[in-house]
Amino acid sequence: MRWTRTAGVFVVAAALAAGACAANGMGAPPRADQTLLTRREIMSVDGARDLYEVVRRLRPHWIEVDKRAQLQNVNGSNRGVLVYQGQAYLGGIGVLHELRPDMAYEMHWLDGAMAATTLPNGLNYGRVAGAIVIRADPTP
């Protein structure tokens, strides 16, 4: 009788532990950081001719933020997504069409508030929807 009760407690404890692992994602593969594109991810996109295509396939919400900002731009004060290489401003999101995937080591997403306060001239662009910051080489 005692053995059955102990075995029952063990089975319940094991079930609870398995449920906890599933609930916190330990049983699932890790999700990609949605604010970062790594070199491995960038280069894994077969047939991509430019960084716009890479972003469109792997982080489409970055492009959607730009589209929503353009739709809300009624008086010209809203800016879409800005693109920087390091601290150098390159242009709007369309500039990604001009950059090949092998030109980026990493790509980082900044929301509008972070972009406006941390990037050079960010506040001068008016209301910023976000920014993509490209790191061209592995050196920090």
C-alpha atoms as a PDB file:
ATOM      1  CA  MET A   1       0.000   0.000   0.000  1.00  0.00           C
ATOM      2  CA  ARG A   2       2.771   2.387   0.918  1.00  0.00           C
ATOM      3  CA  TRP A   3       4.546   1.676  -2.369  1.00  0.00           C
ATOM      4  CA  THR A   4       1.448   2.610  -4.382  1.00  0.00           C
ATOM      5  CA  ARG A   5       1.037   5.932  -2.583  1.00  0.00           C
ATOM      6  CA  THR A   6       4.732   6.805  -3.097  1.00  0.00           C
ATOM      7  CA  ALA A   7       4.560   5.816  -6.753  1.00  0.00           C
ATOM      8  CA  GLY A   8       1.413   7.923  -7.177  1.00  0.00           C
ATOM      9  CA  VAL A   9       3.110  10.970  -5.644  1.00  0.00           C
ATOM     10  CA  PHE A  10       6.088  10.455  -7.953  1.00  0.00           C
ATOM     11  CA  VAL A  11       3.850  10.230 -11.034  1.00  0.00           C
ATOM     12  CA  VAL A  12       2.014  13.438 -10.067  1.00  0.00           C
ATOM     13  CA  ALA A  13       5.319  15.254  -9.401  1.00  0.00           C
ATOM     14  CA  ALA A  14       6.730  14.122 -12.745  1.00  0.00           C
ATOM     15  CA  ALA A  15       3.603  15.292 -14.565  1.00  0.00           C
ATOM     16  CA  LEU A  16       3.788  18.686 -12.883  1.00  0.00           C
ATOM     17  CA  ALA A  17       7.463  19.039 -13.771  1.00  0.00           C
ATOM     18  CA  ALA A  18       6.788  18.124 -17.403  1.00  0.00           C
ATOM     19  CA  GLY A  19       3.970  20.655 -17.549  1.00  0.00           C
ATOM     20  CA  ALA A  20       6.231  23.357 -16.120  1.00  0.00           C
ATOM     21  CA  CYS A  21       8.889  22.641 -18.734  1.00  0.00           C
ATOM     22  CA  ALA A  22       6.332  22.877 -21.522  1.00  0.00           C
ATOM     23  CA  ALA A  23       4.862  26.078 -20.089  1.00  0.00           C
ATOM     24  CA  ASN A  24       8.191  27.877 -19.969  1.00  0.00           C
ATOM     25  CA  GLY A  25       9.252  26.702 -23.421  1.00  0.00           C
ATOM     26  CA  MET A  26      12.060  24.399 -22.297  1.00  0.00           C
ATOM     27  CA  GLY A  27      10.703  21.650 -24.522  1.00  0.00           C
ATOM     28  CA  ALA A  28      10.429  23.925 -27.574  1.00  0.00           C
ATOM     29  CA  PRO A  29      13.287  25.216 -29.689  1.00  0.00           C
ATOM     30  CA  PRO A  30      14.448  28.692 -28.688  1.00  0.00           C
ATOM     31  CA  ARG A  31      12.662  31.554 -30.455  1.00  0.00           C
ATOM     32  CA  ALA A  32      14.787  33.928 -32.469  1.00  0.00           C
ATOM     33  CA  ASP A  33      15.348  37.372 -30.972  1.00  0.00           C
ATOM     34  CA  GLN A  34      12.887  39.533 -32.924  1.00  0.00           C
ATOM     35  CA  THR A  35      15.122  42.607 -32.518  1.00  0.00           C
ATOM     36  CA  LEU A  36      18.177  40.980 -34.070  1.00  0.00           C
ATOM     37  CA  LEU A  37      19.174  39.310 -37.313  1.00  0.00           C
ATOM     38  CA  THR A  38      22.443  37.401 -37.038  1.00  0.00           C
ATOM     39  CA  ARG A  39      24.929  36.690 -39.808  1.00  0.00           C
ATOM     40  CA  ARG A  40      23.792  33.063 -39.851  1.00  0.00           C
ATOM     41  CA  GLU A  41      20.132  34.084 -40.292  1.00  0.00           C
ATOM     42  CA  ILE A  42      20.954  36.697 -42.931  1.00  0.00           C
ATOM     43  CA  MET A  43      23.008  34.299 -45.027  1.00  0.00           C
ATOM     44  CA  SER A  44      20.450  31.486 -44.639  1.00  0.00           C
ATOM     45  CA  VAL A  45      17.886  33.204 -46.866  1.00  0.00           C
ATOM     46  CA  ASP A  46      18.208  31.381 -50.190  1.00  0.00           C
ATOM     47  CA  GLY A  47      17.979  33.558 -53.271  1.00  0.00           C
ATOM     48  CA  ALA A  48      17.845  36.887 -51.428  1.00  0.00           C
ATOM     49  CA  ARG A  49      19.397  39.568 -53.623  1.00  0.00           C
ATOM     50  CA  ASP A  50      19.233  42.353 -51.050  1.00  0.00           C
ATOM     51  CA  LEU A  51      18.740  43.058 -47.360  1.00  0.00           C
ATOM     52  CA  TYR A  52      15.148  44.162 -47.943  1.00  0.00           C
ATOM     53  CA  GLU A  53      14.338  40.617 -49.075  1.00  0.00           C
ATOM     54  CA  VAL A  54      16.085  39.196 -45.995  1.00  0.00           C
ATOM     55  CA  VAL A  55      14.035  41.435 -43.687  1.00  0.00           C
ATOM     56  CA  ARG A  56      10.836  40.721 -45.629  1.00  0.00           C
ATOM     57  CA  ARG A  57      11.289  36.987 -45.113  1.00  0.00           C
ATOM     58  CA  LEU A  58      12.709  36.863 -41.577  1.00  0.00           C
ATOM     59  CA  ARG A  59      11.359  39.961 -39.773  1.00  0.00           C
ATOM     60  CA  PRO A  60       8.369  41.165 -41.828  1.00  0.00           C
ATOM     61  CA  HIS A  61       7.037  43.168 -38.883  1.00  0.00           C
ATOM     62  CA  TRP A  62       9.973  45.600 -39.335  1.00  0.00           C
ATOM     63  CA  ILE A  63       8.576  46.439 -42.773  1.00  0.00           C
ATOM     64  CA  GLU A  64       4.994  46.532 -41.481  1.00  0.00           C
ATOM     65  CA  VAL A  65       5.988  49.196 -38.940  1.00  0.00           C
ATOM     66  CA  ASP A  66       7.247  51.327 -41.832  1.00  0.00           C
ATOM     67  CA  LYS A  67       4.064  50.804 -43.861  1.00  0.00           C
ATOM     68  CA  ARG A  68       1.841  51.755 -40.913  1.00  0.00           C
ATOM     69  CA  ALA A  69       3.915  54.890 -40.286  1.00  0.00           C
ATOM     70  CA  GLN A  70       3.569  55.937 -43.920  1.00  0.00           C
ATOM     71  CA  LEU A  71      -0.209  55.483 -43.775  1.00  0.00           C
ATOM     72  CA  GLN A  72      -0.396  57.659 -40.658  1.00  0.00           C
ATOM     73  CA  ASN A  73       1.796  60.377 -42.167  1.00  0.00           C
ATOM     74  CA  VAL A  74      -0.892  62.990 -42.769  1.00  0.00           C
ATOM     75  CA  ASN A  75       1.102  66.164 -42.139  1.00  0.00           C
ATOM     76  CA  GLY A  76       4.609  65.031 -43.056  1.00  0.00           C
ATOM     77  CA  SER A  77       5.831  64.834 -39.465  1.00  0.00           C
ATOM     78  CA  ASN A  78       5.934  61.022 -39.284  1.00  0.00           C
ATOM     79  CA  ARG A  79       9.016  59.232 -40.488  1.00  0.00           C
ATOM     80  CA  GLY A  80       9.008  55.579 -41.254  1.00  0.00           C
ATOM     81  CA  VAL A  81      11.826  53.227 -40.397  1.00  0.00           C
ATOM     82  CA  LEU A  82      15.294  54.746 -40.628  1.00  0.00           C
ATOM     83  CA  VAL A  83      18.316  52.691 -41.666  1.00  0.00           C
ATOM     84  CA  TYR A  84      21.774  53.240 -40.212  1.00  0.00           C
ATOM     85  CA  GLN A  85      25.093  51.549 -40.704  1.00  0.00           C
ATOM     86  CA  GLY A  86      26.651  51.968 -37.305  1.00  0.00           C
ATOM     87  CA  GLN A  87      26.084  55.654 -36.539  1.00  0.00           C
ATOM     88  CA  ALA A  88      25.807  56.714 -40.204  1.00  0.00           C
ATOM     89  CA  TYR A  89      22.309  57.435 -41.526  1.00  0.00           C
ATOM     90  CA  LEU A  90      21.714  55.675 -44.856  1.00  0.00           C
ATOM     91  CA  GLY A  91      18.063  56.538 -45.543  1.00  0.00           C
ATOM     92  CA  GLY A  92      14.613  55.036 -45.274  1.00  0.00           C
ATOM     93  CA  ILE A  93      13.815  51.340 -45.376  1.00  0.00           C
ATOM     94  CA  GLY A  94      14.001  51.357 -49.191  1.00  0.00           C
ATOM     95  CA  VAL A  95      17.779  51.702 -48.979  1.00  0.00           C
ATOM     96  CA  LEU A  96      17.876  48.018 -48.009  1.00  0.00           C
ATOM     97  CA  HIS A  97      17.168  47.234 -51.688  1.00  0.00           C
ATOM     98  CA  GLU A  98      20.653  48.601 -52.453  1.00  0.00           C
ATOM     99  CA  LEU A  99      22.529  46.451 -49.938  1.00  0.00           C
ATOM    100  CA  ARG A 100      23.529  42.836 -50.512  1.00  0.00           C
ATOM    101  CA  PRO A 101      23.099  40.275 -47.706  1.00  0.00           C
ATOM    102  CA  ASP A 102      26.864  39.725 -47.451  1.00  0.00           C
ATOM    103  CA  MET A 103      27.247  43.409 -46.515  1.00  0.00           C
ATOM    104  CA  ALA A 104      25.695  42.861 -43.066  1.00  0.00           C
ATOM    105  CA  TYR A 105      27.146  41.005 -40.119  1.00  0.00           C
ATOM    106  CA  GLU A 106      24.126  41.781 -37.919  1.00  0.00           C
ATOM    107  CA  MET A 107      20.994  43.881 -38.103  1.00  0.00           C
ATOM    108  CA  HIS A 108      19.406  45.367 -34.981  1.00  0.00           C
ATOM    109  CA  TRP A 109      15.865  46.720 -34.594  1.00  0.00           C
ATOM    110  CA  LEU A 110      15.212  49.777 -32.436  1.00  0.00           C
ATOM    111  CA  ASP A 111      11.699  50.950 -31.647  1.00  0.00           C
ATOM    112  CA  GLY A 112      10.831  54.566 -32.384  1.00  0.00           C
ATOM    113  CA  ALA A 113      11.584  55.950 -28.931  1.00  0.00           C
ATOM    114  CA  MET A 114      14.952  54.216 -28.715  1.00  0.00           C
ATOM    115  CA  ALA A 115      15.886  55.255 -32.260  1.00  0.00           C
ATOM    116  CA  ALA A 116      14.963  58.891 -31.652  1.00  0.00           C
ATOM    117  CA  THR A 117      17.005  59.131 -28.473  1.00  0.00           C
ATOM    118  CA  THR A 118      20.091  57.037 -29.278  1.00  0.00           C
ATOM    119  CA  LEU A 119      20.862  57.567 -32.955  1.00  0.00           C
ATOM    120  CA  PRO A 120      22.564  60.655 -34.361  1.00  0.00           C
ATOM    121  CA  ASN A 121      19.988  63.223 -35.515  1.00  0.00           C
ATOM    122  CA  GLY A 122      17.176  60.825 -34.593  1.00  0.00           C
ATOM    123  CA  LEU A 123      15.142  63.580 -32.964  1.00  0.00           C
ATOM    124  CA  ASN A 124      15.691  65.830 -35.991  1.00  0.00           C
ATOM    125  CA  TYR A 125      13.717  63.439 -38.203  1.00  0.00           C
ATOM    126  CA  GLY A 126      10.428  64.106 -36.426  1.00  0.00           C
ATOM    127  CA  ARG A 127       8.381  61.169 -35.209  1.00  0.00           C
ATOM    128  CA  VAL A 128      10.402  58.036 -35.968  1.00  0.00           C
ATOM    129  CA  ALA A 129       8.645  54.663 -36.317  1.00  0.00           C
ATOM    130  CA  GLY A 130      11.808  52.653 -35.735  1.00  0.00           C
ATOM    131  CA  ALA A 131      15.300  52.024 -37.010  1.00  0.00           C
ATOM    132  CA  ILE A 132      17.372  49.208 -38.407  1.00  0.00           C
ATOM    133  CA  VAL A 133      21.025  49.451 -37.489  1.00  0.00           C
ATOM    134  CA  ILE A 134      23.368  47.399 -39.656  1.00  0.00           C
ATOM    135  CA  ARG A 135      26.667  46.187 -38.300  1.00  0.00           C
ATOM    136  CA  ALA A 136      28.962  45.477 -41.225  1.00  0.00           C
ATOM    137  CA  ASP A 137      31.687  43.499 -39.443  1.00  0.00           C
ATOM    138  CA  PRO A 138      32.099  41.350 -36.338  1.00  0.00           C
ATOM    139  CA  THR A 139      34.184  43.884 -34.393  1.00  0.00           C
ATOM    140  CA  PRO A 140      32.102  45.611 -31.705  1.00  0.00           C
END
